[in-house]
Structure formats: structure tokens, C-alpha cells
Amino acid sequence: YNFGLKYNFTDNIFLRTSYERGYLIPLFQQFVGNGADIVRNTDLMPESSDNLNLGLSYGNSKNNDNLKINANLNGFWREQYNIIFLGSGITKRYDNADQVNTVGIEGDLILNFKKSWTWRSNITALRKRFSALKDPRNAFLEGTVFPNNPTFFGNTELEWQKTGLFQGADKFRAYIFYQYVAPFNHILIGQDDTYQNSPNSFVPTQHRVDIGTSYRFAKQAFTAAFNINNVLNA
């Protein structure tokens, strides 16, 4: 169940907040594994969570045909109970973590200039940590970073499109896309472990660049596209 509240400051700016109580039932493959490196765990419990969001939005698309701007800034808090995650090791299985807390902020920006150029960007920063553990043998994990979850990432894309480049309502599009993911731990770590002193516990920095183009033949309802993914092989 969930509920939300929205307040309009002006026609272009509004504030919104929402709360959700959610449940996640384990998937079949999480119960039984894959018959290879992931073994079964028939004791998996459903995951539940309390989620709270607070966001501010701005958009001027109604007032300006040359430059349209849409921007969002959102903060979120989440408390997850019996969170389902894939353990680390040579032989793995899906387990329940007792309680995990996530606090974060995210923002996105879209600029459209004269209906031809579009720039999209977004960024997310969060902290996801074990907040409570029932088994006293796991007390050392309290306050440590939850494994295998990026904590800082973002992407940006620049696009150019032209209608009627060669004929009628045909549409041409070209774009370049960049994605960044900061280092994050892929296994359980201690509170003092960092990328600098324990590099084998972390996925290194990731830089991804994609480029592509497409042409839509409106009359034939046909689109041809050519894309190159991960140009830098990184």
C-alpha cells in the first residue's frame, strides 16, 4: 500500500512526498538455485520494506517552444527487512539479511532545444548499510556497506534528431551516451575496508560510452538503426 501528497508552488514547480509499504516474494529460481554455482535455499523468507520519498520538480515545457527544461531532485529513505541477496563465494545461494537501511538522493535534468537537440543527465548517490542483525555472531556487520550495490552512478546523453531530413515525416536520430559507476564492494567488507586498501573486494570504476544513429521511414513504418555499445571497452 502507498499514499502520496503533491503541492504546486506555481504552474512550473511542485513538491511531492510519498510513502509505500512493499513486499517482495522470493522467485522460484531463488528458492531452488540454478543447479550449478547457486544452490537452493528453501528457507527464504519474503522481503518487506518501508519507503519514503521527497522530491522537487520543475518544468517549463508549457511556456517555451525553443528551450524546454525538466528537472527533478528526489531524496529517499528505505528500511528493508529480510532483504534477499545473493551471497558470495565459489558456491552461492540466496539468503535473507535481517535489516538494511538505504538513504540517498537522485536528480535528473532534461533540456530540449528547438525540438532538435536533447540533453539528458541523471545522477544518484546513496548509502546502503546493515542496520540490524538478529544473530549475535553477525553483529560485526552492523553499519557495514551492503554488498553488490553501486553507491554513486550517473549517465548523460546528447541527442540530435531531424524530421524530414530527406523526405516527408521521416525522422533521423543520432546520439552519444556516457555512463559512470563508481567503485563498489561486491562481497561483504569491514567498516574500515576501502577501494584503496582492499581493491579485490571492489568492482573498479566503470566508464561506458555508446554511440548510435537511426532513421525512421514514416511511410513504410520501418526503422533502420546502427549502434556501437561500450566504445571504450571499459
C-alpha atoms as a PDB file:
ATOM      1  CA  TYR A   1       0.000   0.000   0.000  1.00  0.00           C
ATOM      2  CA  ASN A   2       1.111   3.583  -0.540  1.00  0.00           C
ATOM      3  CA  PHE A   3      -0.020   7.170  -0.424  1.00  0.00           C
ATOM      4  CA  GLY A   4       1.327  10.452  -1.758  1.00  0.00           C
ATOM      5  CA  LEU A   5       0.897  14.195  -1.432  1.00  0.00           C
ATOM      6  CA  LYS A   6       1.700  16.880  -4.017  1.00  0.00           C
ATOM      7  CA  TYR A   7       1.816  20.666  -3.616  1.00  0.00           C
ATOM      8  CA  ASN A   8       2.030  23.067  -6.576  1.00  0.00           C
ATOM      9  CA  PHE A   9       4.013  26.245  -5.838  1.00  0.00           C
ATOM     10  CA  THR A  10       3.464  27.512  -9.403  1.00  0.00           C
ATOM     11  CA  ASP A  11       2.451  26.012 -12.745  1.00  0.00           C
ATOM     12  CA  ASN A  12       6.117  25.000 -13.209  1.00  0.00           C
ATOM     13  CA  ILE A  13       7.241  23.900  -9.733  1.00  0.00           C
ATOM     14  CA  PHE A  14       5.801  21.324  -7.381  1.00  0.00           C
ATOM     15  CA  LEU A  15       6.815  19.367  -4.290  1.00  0.00           C
ATOM     16  CA  ARG A  16       5.740  15.796  -3.697  1.00  0.00           C
ATOM     17  CA  THR A  17       6.171  13.191  -0.998  1.00  0.00           C
ATOM     18  CA  SER A  18       5.092   9.558  -0.807  1.00  0.00           C
ATOM     19  CA  TYR A  19       5.218   6.542   1.478  1.00  0.00           C
ATOM     20  CA  GLU A  20       4.990   2.896   0.461  1.00  0.00           C
ATOM     21  CA  ARG A  21       4.880  -0.380   2.351  1.00  0.00           C
ATOM     22  CA  GLY A  22       6.062  -3.075  -0.043  1.00  0.00           C
ATOM     23  CA  TYR A  23       6.597  -6.826  -0.093  1.00  0.00           C
ATOM     24  CA  LEU A  24       8.778  -8.996  -2.317  1.00  0.00           C
ATOM     25  CA  ILE A  25       8.040 -12.714  -2.675  1.00  0.00           C
ATOM     26  CA  PRO A  26      11.142 -14.828  -3.496  1.00  0.00           C
ATOM     27  CA  LEU A  27      11.359 -16.022  -7.083  1.00  0.00           C
ATOM     28  CA  PHE A  28      11.325 -19.733  -7.895  1.00  0.00           C
ATOM     29  CA  GLN A  29      14.951 -19.723  -9.049  1.00  0.00           C
ATOM     30  CA  GLN A  30      15.982 -18.065  -5.780  1.00  0.00           C
ATOM     31  CA  PHE A  31      14.457 -20.983  -3.868  1.00  0.00           C
ATOM     32  CA  VAL A  32      15.961 -23.774  -5.974  1.00  0.00           C
ATOM     33  CA  GLY A  33      19.166 -22.236  -7.403  1.00  0.00           C
ATOM     34  CA  ASN A  34      20.451 -22.946 -10.894  1.00  0.00           C
ATOM     35  CA  GLY A  35      21.859 -26.451 -10.494  1.00  0.00           C
ATOM     36  CA  ALA A  36      25.421 -25.177 -10.846  1.00  0.00           C
ATOM     37  CA  ASP A  37      27.102 -22.460  -8.772  1.00  0.00           C
ATOM     38  CA  ILE A  38      23.909 -21.299  -6.970  1.00  0.00           C
ATOM     39  CA  VAL A  39      22.451 -23.871  -4.548  1.00  0.00           C
ATOM     40  CA  ARG A  40      18.895 -23.995  -3.228  1.00  0.00           C
ATOM     41  CA  ASN A  41      17.601 -22.324  -0.082  1.00  0.00           C
ATOM     42  CA  THR A  42      14.023 -23.342   0.719  1.00  0.00           C
ATOM     43  CA  ASP A  43      14.086 -21.321   3.964  1.00  0.00           C
ATOM     44  CA  LEU A  44      13.971 -17.961   2.164  1.00  0.00           C
ATOM     45  CA  MET A  45      11.506 -15.509   3.694  1.00  0.00           C
ATOM     46  CA  PRO A  46       9.589 -12.739   1.865  1.00  0.00           C
ATOM     47  CA  GLU A  47      11.251  -9.331   1.905  1.00  0.00           C
ATOM     48  CA  SER A  48       9.386  -6.250   3.118  1.00  0.00           C
ATOM     49  CA  SER A  49      10.247  -2.560   3.170  1.00  0.00           C
ATOM     50  CA  ASP A  50       9.180   0.901   4.277  1.00  0.00           C
ATOM     51  CA  ASN A  51       9.901   3.534   1.615  1.00  0.00           C
ATOM     52  CA  LEU A  52       9.735   7.315   1.969  1.00  0.00           C
ATOM     53  CA  ASN A  53      10.365   9.823  -0.840  1.00  0.00           C
ATOM     54  CA  LEU A  54      10.522  13.618  -1.008  1.00  0.00           C
ATOM     55  CA  GLY A  55      11.041  15.375  -4.326  1.00  0.00           C
ATOM     56  CA  LEU A  56      11.009  18.751  -6.060  1.00  0.00           C
ATOM     57  CA  SER A  57      10.204  19.091  -9.770  1.00  0.00           C
ATOM     58  CA  TYR A  58      10.479  21.911 -12.289  1.00  0.00           C
ATOM     59  CA  GLY A  59       9.306  22.071 -15.889  1.00  0.00           C
ATOM     60  CA  ASN A  60       8.790  24.951 -18.317  1.00  0.00           C
ATOM     61  CA  SER A  61       7.642  22.924 -21.334  1.00  0.00           C
ATOM     62  CA  LYS A  62       4.292  24.750 -21.448  1.00  0.00           C
ATOM     63  CA  ASN A  63       5.826  28.199 -21.857  1.00  0.00           C
ATOM     64  CA  ASN A  64       8.768  27.942 -24.209  1.00  0.00           C
ATOM     65  CA  ASP A  65       8.975  26.289 -27.632  1.00  0.00           C
ATOM     66  CA  ASN A  66      12.699  26.994 -28.106  1.00  0.00           C
ATOM     67  CA  LEU A  67      14.051  25.682 -24.808  1.00  0.00           C
ATOM     68  CA  LYS A  68      12.194  23.154 -22.688  1.00  0.00           C
ATOM     69  CA  ILE A  69      13.569  22.274 -19.259  1.00  0.00           C
ATOM     70  CA  ASN A  70      12.547  19.484 -16.915  1.00  0.00           C
ATOM     71  CA  ALA A  71      14.429  18.906 -13.666  1.00  0.00           C
ATOM     72  CA  ASN A  72      13.828  16.679 -10.655  1.00  0.00           C
ATOM     73  CA  LEU A  73      15.563  16.340  -7.303  1.00  0.00           C
ATOM     74  CA  ASN A  74      14.473  13.499  -5.031  1.00  0.00           C
ATOM     75  CA  GLY A  75      15.574  12.218  -1.642  1.00  0.00           C
ATOM     76  CA  PHE A  76      14.663   8.749  -0.452  1.00  0.00           C
ATOM     77  CA  TRP A  77      14.824   6.615   2.689  1.00  0.00           C
ATOM     78  CA  ARG A  78      14.225   2.877   2.720  1.00  0.00           C
ATOM     79  CA  GLU A  79      14.244   0.299   5.501  1.00  0.00           C
ATOM     80  CA  GLN A  80      14.277  -3.278   4.184  1.00  0.00           C
ATOM     81  CA  TYR A  81      13.570  -6.331   6.337  1.00  0.00           C
ATOM     82  CA  ASN A  82      14.704  -9.868   5.437  1.00  0.00           C
ATOM     83  CA  ILE A  83      16.238  -8.413   2.274  1.00  0.00           C
ATOM     84  CA  ILE A  84      17.008 -11.090  -0.327  1.00  0.00           C
ATOM     85  CA  PHE A  85      20.547 -11.070  -1.722  1.00  0.00           C
ATOM     86  CA  LEU A  86      22.966 -13.434  -3.445  1.00  0.00           C
ATOM     87  CA  GLY A  87      25.825 -14.454  -1.164  1.00  0.00           C
ATOM     88  CA  SER A  88      29.455 -14.520  -2.276  1.00  0.00           C
ATOM     89  CA  GLY A  89      31.829 -17.457  -2.613  1.00  0.00           C
ATOM     90  CA  ILE A  90      32.524 -20.259  -5.062  1.00  0.00           C
ATOM     91  CA  THR A  91      29.171 -21.837  -4.238  1.00  0.00           C
ATOM     92  CA  LYS A  92      26.450 -19.243  -3.662  1.00  0.00           C
ATOM     93  CA  ARG A  93      22.851 -19.158  -2.501  1.00  0.00           C
ATOM     94  CA  TYR A  94      20.193 -16.518  -1.964  1.00  0.00           C
ATOM     95  CA  ASP A  95      19.870 -15.513   1.691  1.00  0.00           C
ATOM     96  CA  ASN A  96      17.912 -13.098   3.860  1.00  0.00           C
ATOM     97  CA  ALA A  97      19.717 -10.218   5.532  1.00  0.00           C
ATOM     98  CA  ASP A  98      17.983  -9.121   8.717  1.00  0.00           C
ATOM     99  CA  GLN A  99      17.628  -5.371   8.130  1.00  0.00           C
ATOM    100  CA  VAL A 100      19.222  -2.932   5.685  1.00  0.00           C
ATOM    101  CA  ASN A 101      18.873   0.862   5.603  1.00  0.00           C
ATOM    102  CA  THR A 102      19.250   2.986   2.469  1.00  0.00           C
ATOM    103  CA  VAL A 103      19.452   6.776   2.339  1.00  0.00           C
ATOM    104  CA  GLY A 104      20.047   8.564  -0.931  1.00  0.00           C
ATOM    105  CA  ILE A 105      19.484  11.425  -3.316  1.00  0.00           C
ATOM    106  CA  GLU A 106      18.940  11.470  -7.054  1.00  0.00           C
ATOM    107  CA  GLY A 107      18.493  14.128  -9.663  1.00  0.00           C
ATOM    108  CA  ASP A 108      17.809  14.360 -13.371  1.00  0.00           C
ATOM    109  CA  LEU A 109      17.793  17.110 -15.962  1.00  0.00           C
ATOM    110  CA  ILE A 110      16.359  17.173 -19.493  1.00  0.00           C
ATOM    111  CA  LEU A 111      16.962  20.069 -21.887  1.00  0.00           C
ATOM    112  CA  ASN A 112      15.315  20.229 -25.300  1.00  0.00           C
ATOM    113  CA  PHE A 113      16.402  22.952 -27.730  1.00  0.00           C
ATOM    114  CA  LYS A 114      14.220  23.817 -30.720  1.00  0.00           C
ATOM    115  CA  LYS A 115      12.858  20.238 -30.788  1.00  0.00           C
ATOM    116  CA  SER A 116      16.157  19.044 -32.322  1.00  0.00           C
ATOM    117  CA  TRP A 117      18.784  18.829 -29.570  1.00  0.00           C
ATOM    118  CA  THR A 118      18.097  16.945 -26.346  1.00  0.00           C
ATOM    119  CA  TRP A 119      20.444  16.576 -23.394  1.00  0.00           C
ATOM    120  CA  ARG A 120      19.542  14.130 -20.628  1.00  0.00           C
ATOM    121  CA  SER A 121      21.525  13.620 -17.426  1.00  0.00           C
ATOM    122  CA  ASN A 122      20.917  11.941 -14.097  1.00  0.00           C
ATOM    123  CA  ILE A 123      22.945  11.148 -11.020  1.00  0.00           C
ATOM    124  CA  THR A 124      22.353   9.035  -7.897  1.00  0.00           C
ATOM    125  CA  ALA A 125      24.245   8.868  -4.605  1.00  0.00           C
ATOM    126  CA  LEU A 126      23.211   6.566  -1.781  1.00  0.00           C
ATOM    127  CA  ARG A 127      24.359   4.822   1.360  1.00  0.00           C
ATOM    128  CA  LYS A 128      23.139   1.267   1.905  1.00  0.00           C
ATOM    129  CA  ARG A 129      24.187  -0.407   5.155  1.00  0.00           C
ATOM    130  CA  PHE A 130      23.253  -3.250   7.502  1.00  0.00           C
ATOM    131  CA  SER A 131      21.189  -1.604  10.263  1.00  0.00           C
ATOM    132  CA  ALA A 132      20.201  -4.552  12.498  1.00  0.00           C
ATOM    133  CA  LEU A 133      21.134  -8.236  12.766  1.00  0.00           C
ATOM    134  CA  LYS A 134      19.388 -10.812  14.929  1.00  0.00           C
ATOM    135  CA  ASP A 135      22.229 -13.329  15.128  1.00  0.00           C
ATOM    136  CA  PRO A 136      24.868 -12.043  17.597  1.00  0.00           C
ATOM    137  CA  ARG A 137      27.539 -13.836  15.537  1.00  0.00           C
ATOM    138  CA  ASN A 138      26.825 -11.342  12.734  1.00  0.00           C
ATOM    139  CA  ALA A 139      26.916  -8.265  14.962  1.00  0.00           C
ATOM    140  CA  PHE A 140      30.208  -7.202  13.344  1.00  0.00           C
ATOM    141  CA  LEU A 141      28.292  -6.478  10.120  1.00  0.00           C
ATOM    142  CA  GLU A 142      26.129  -3.749  11.659  1.00  0.00           C
ATOM    143  CA  GLY A 143      26.968  -0.452   9.998  1.00  0.00           C
ATOM    144  CA  THR A 144      28.936  -2.045   7.151  1.00  0.00           C
ATOM    145  CA  VAL A 145      28.176  -1.478   3.471  1.00  0.00           C
ATOM    146  CA  PHE A 146      25.695  -3.870   1.859  1.00  0.00           C
ATOM    147  CA  PRO A 147      27.412  -5.868  -0.920  1.00  0.00           C
ATOM    148  CA  ASN A 148      26.984  -5.690  -4.693  1.00  0.00           C
ATOM    149  CA  ASN A 149      25.108  -2.383  -4.881  1.00  0.00           C
ATOM    150  CA  PRO A 150      26.585   0.681  -6.629  1.00  0.00           C
ATOM    151  CA  THR A 151      26.528   3.744  -4.370  1.00  0.00           C
ATOM    152  CA  PHE A 152      27.370   6.514  -6.851  1.00  0.00           C
ATOM    153  CA  PHE A 153      26.457   6.445 -10.534  1.00  0.00           C
ATOM    154  CA  GLY A 154      25.102   8.575 -13.329  1.00  0.00           C
ATOM    155  CA  ASN A 155      24.762   8.969 -17.053  1.00  0.00           C
ATOM    156  CA  THR A 156      24.367  11.624 -19.696  1.00  0.00           C
ATOM    157  CA  GLU A 157      23.155  11.543 -23.291  1.00  0.00           C
ATOM    158  CA  LEU A 158      23.239  14.070 -26.128  1.00  0.00           C
ATOM    159  CA  GLU A 159      20.801  13.507 -28.983  1.00  0.00           C
ATOM    160  CA  TRP A 160      20.105  15.240 -32.281  1.00  0.00           C
ATOM    161  CA  GLN A 161      17.052  14.467 -34.358  1.00  0.00           C
ATOM    162  CA  LYS A 162      15.680  15.869 -37.581  1.00  0.00           C
ATOM    163  CA  THR A 163      12.273  15.332 -39.128  1.00  0.00           C
ATOM    164  CA  GLY A 164      12.043  15.335 -42.903  1.00  0.00           C
ATOM    165  CA  LEU A 165      15.794  15.102 -43.442  1.00  0.00           C
ATOM    166  CA  PHE A 166      15.298  13.500 -46.833  1.00  0.00           C
ATOM    167  CA  GLN A 167      11.548  13.377 -47.277  1.00  0.00           C
ATOM    168  CA  GLY A 168       8.197  13.951 -45.569  1.00  0.00           C
ATOM    169  CA  ALA A 169       7.775  12.779 -41.991  1.00  0.00           C
ATOM    170  CA  ASP A 170      10.910  10.612 -41.921  1.00  0.00           C
ATOM    171  CA  LYS A 171      12.944  11.077 -38.752  1.00  0.00           C
ATOM    172  CA  PHE A 172      16.738  10.877 -38.333  1.00  0.00           C
ATOM    173  CA  ARG A 173      18.331  10.495 -34.886  1.00  0.00           C
ATOM    174  CA  ALA A 174      21.965  10.387 -33.675  1.00  0.00           C
ATOM    175  CA  TYR A 175      23.175  10.143 -30.085  1.00  0.00           C
ATOM    176  CA  ILE A 176      26.150   9.663 -27.787  1.00  0.00           C
ATOM    177  CA  PHE A 177      25.649   8.179 -24.310  1.00  0.00           C
ATOM    178  CA  TYR A 178      28.044   8.058 -21.331  1.00  0.00           C
ATOM    179  CA  GLN A 179      27.593   6.131 -18.073  1.00  0.00           C
ATOM    180  CA  TYR A 180      29.730   6.274 -14.934  1.00  0.00           C
ATOM    181  CA  VAL A 181      29.685   3.875 -11.971  1.00  0.00           C
ATOM    182  CA  ALA A 182      31.997   4.482  -9.008  1.00  0.00           C
ATOM    183  CA  PRO A 183      33.765   1.532  -7.310  1.00  0.00           C
ATOM    184  CA  PHE A 184      31.549  -0.592  -5.041  1.00  0.00           C
ATOM    185  CA  ASN A 185      32.106  -3.727  -2.955  1.00  0.00           C
ATOM    186  CA  HIS A 186      30.846  -6.973  -4.479  1.00  0.00           C
ATOM    187  CA  ILE A 187      31.348  -9.007  -1.264  1.00  0.00           C
ATOM    188  CA  LEU A 188      30.935  -8.378   2.467  1.00  0.00           C
ATOM    189  CA  ILE A 189      33.577  -5.996   3.841  1.00  0.00           C
ATOM    190  CA  GLY A 190      34.556  -4.496   7.183  1.00  0.00           C
ATOM    191  CA  GLN A 191      33.874  -0.918   8.219  1.00  0.00           C
ATOM    192  CA  ASP A 192      37.493   0.077   7.558  1.00  0.00           C
ATOM    193  CA  ASP A 193      37.803  -1.582   4.134  1.00  0.00           C
ATOM    194  CA  THR A 194      38.066   0.780   1.169  1.00  0.00           C
ATOM    195  CA  TYR A 195      38.835   0.515  -2.531  1.00  0.00           C
ATOM    196  CA  GLN A 196      42.373   1.676  -1.737  1.00  0.00           C
ATOM    197  CA  ASN A 197      43.232  -0.867   0.973  1.00  0.00           C
ATOM    198  CA  SER A 198      41.113  -3.798  -0.297  1.00  0.00           C
ATOM    199  CA  PRO A 199      40.843  -3.476  -4.111  1.00  0.00           C
ATOM    200  CA  ASN A 200      39.961  -7.154  -4.661  1.00  0.00           C
ATOM    201  CA  SER A 201      36.716  -6.643  -2.730  1.00  0.00           C
ATOM    202  CA  PHE A 202      35.520  -3.935  -5.128  1.00  0.00           C
ATOM    203  CA  VAL A 203      34.300  -3.613  -8.688  1.00  0.00           C
ATOM    204  CA  PRO A 204      36.554  -0.932 -10.255  1.00  0.00           C
ATOM    205  CA  THR A 205      35.351   2.348 -11.741  1.00  0.00           C
ATOM    206  CA  GLN A 206      33.272   1.824 -14.871  1.00  0.00           C
ATOM    207  CA  HIS A 207      33.113   4.188 -17.865  1.00  0.00           C
ATOM    208  CA  ARG A 208      30.775   3.246 -20.696  1.00  0.00           C
ATOM    209  CA  VAL A 209      30.282   5.129 -23.959  1.00  0.00           C
ATOM    210  CA  ASP A 210      27.654   4.203 -26.572  1.00  0.00           C
ATOM    211  CA  ILE A 211      27.039   5.892 -29.903  1.00  0.00           C
ATOM    212  CA  GLY A 212      24.370   5.271 -32.473  1.00  0.00           C
ATOM    213  CA  THR A 213      22.113   6.507 -35.217  1.00  0.00           C
ATOM    214  CA  SER A 214      18.700   5.568 -36.594  1.00  0.00           C
ATOM    215  CA  TYR A 215      16.416   6.518 -39.466  1.00  0.00           C
ATOM    216  CA  ARG A 216      12.667   6.040 -39.394  1.00  0.00           C
ATOM    217  CA  PHE A 217      10.879   5.734 -42.731  1.00  0.00           C
ATOM    218  CA  ALA A 218       7.436   7.042 -41.790  1.00  0.00           C
ATOM    219  CA  LYS A 219       5.622   5.926 -44.940  1.00  0.00           C
ATOM    220  CA  GLN A 220       6.830   2.334 -44.661  1.00  0.00           C
ATOM    221  CA  ALA A 221       6.670   2.279 -40.835  1.00  0.00           C
ATOM    222  CA  PHE A 222      10.233   0.937 -40.875  1.00  0.00           C
ATOM    223  CA  THR A 223      13.282   1.911 -38.796  1.00  0.00           C
ATOM    224  CA  ALA A 224      16.936   1.181 -39.538  1.00  0.00           C
ATOM    225  CA  ALA A 225      19.492   1.641 -36.740  1.00  0.00           C
ATOM    226  CA  PHE A 226      23.215   1.239 -36.162  1.00  0.00           C
ATOM    227  CA  ASN A 227      24.670   1.284 -32.643  1.00  0.00           C
ATOM    228  CA  ILE A 228      28.087   0.691 -31.078  1.00  0.00           C
ATOM    229  CA  ASN A 229      27.950  -0.206 -27.390  1.00  0.00           C
ATOM    230  CA  ASN A 230      30.838   0.267 -24.953  1.00  0.00           C
ATOM    231  CA  VAL A 231      33.100   2.016 -27.472  1.00  0.00           C
ATOM    232  CA  LEU A 232      35.986   2.298 -24.962  1.00  0.00           C
ATOM    233  CA  ASN A 233      35.747  -1.374 -23.933  1.00  0.00           C
ATOM    234  CA  ALA A 234      35.589  -0.219 -20.316  1.00  0.00           C
END
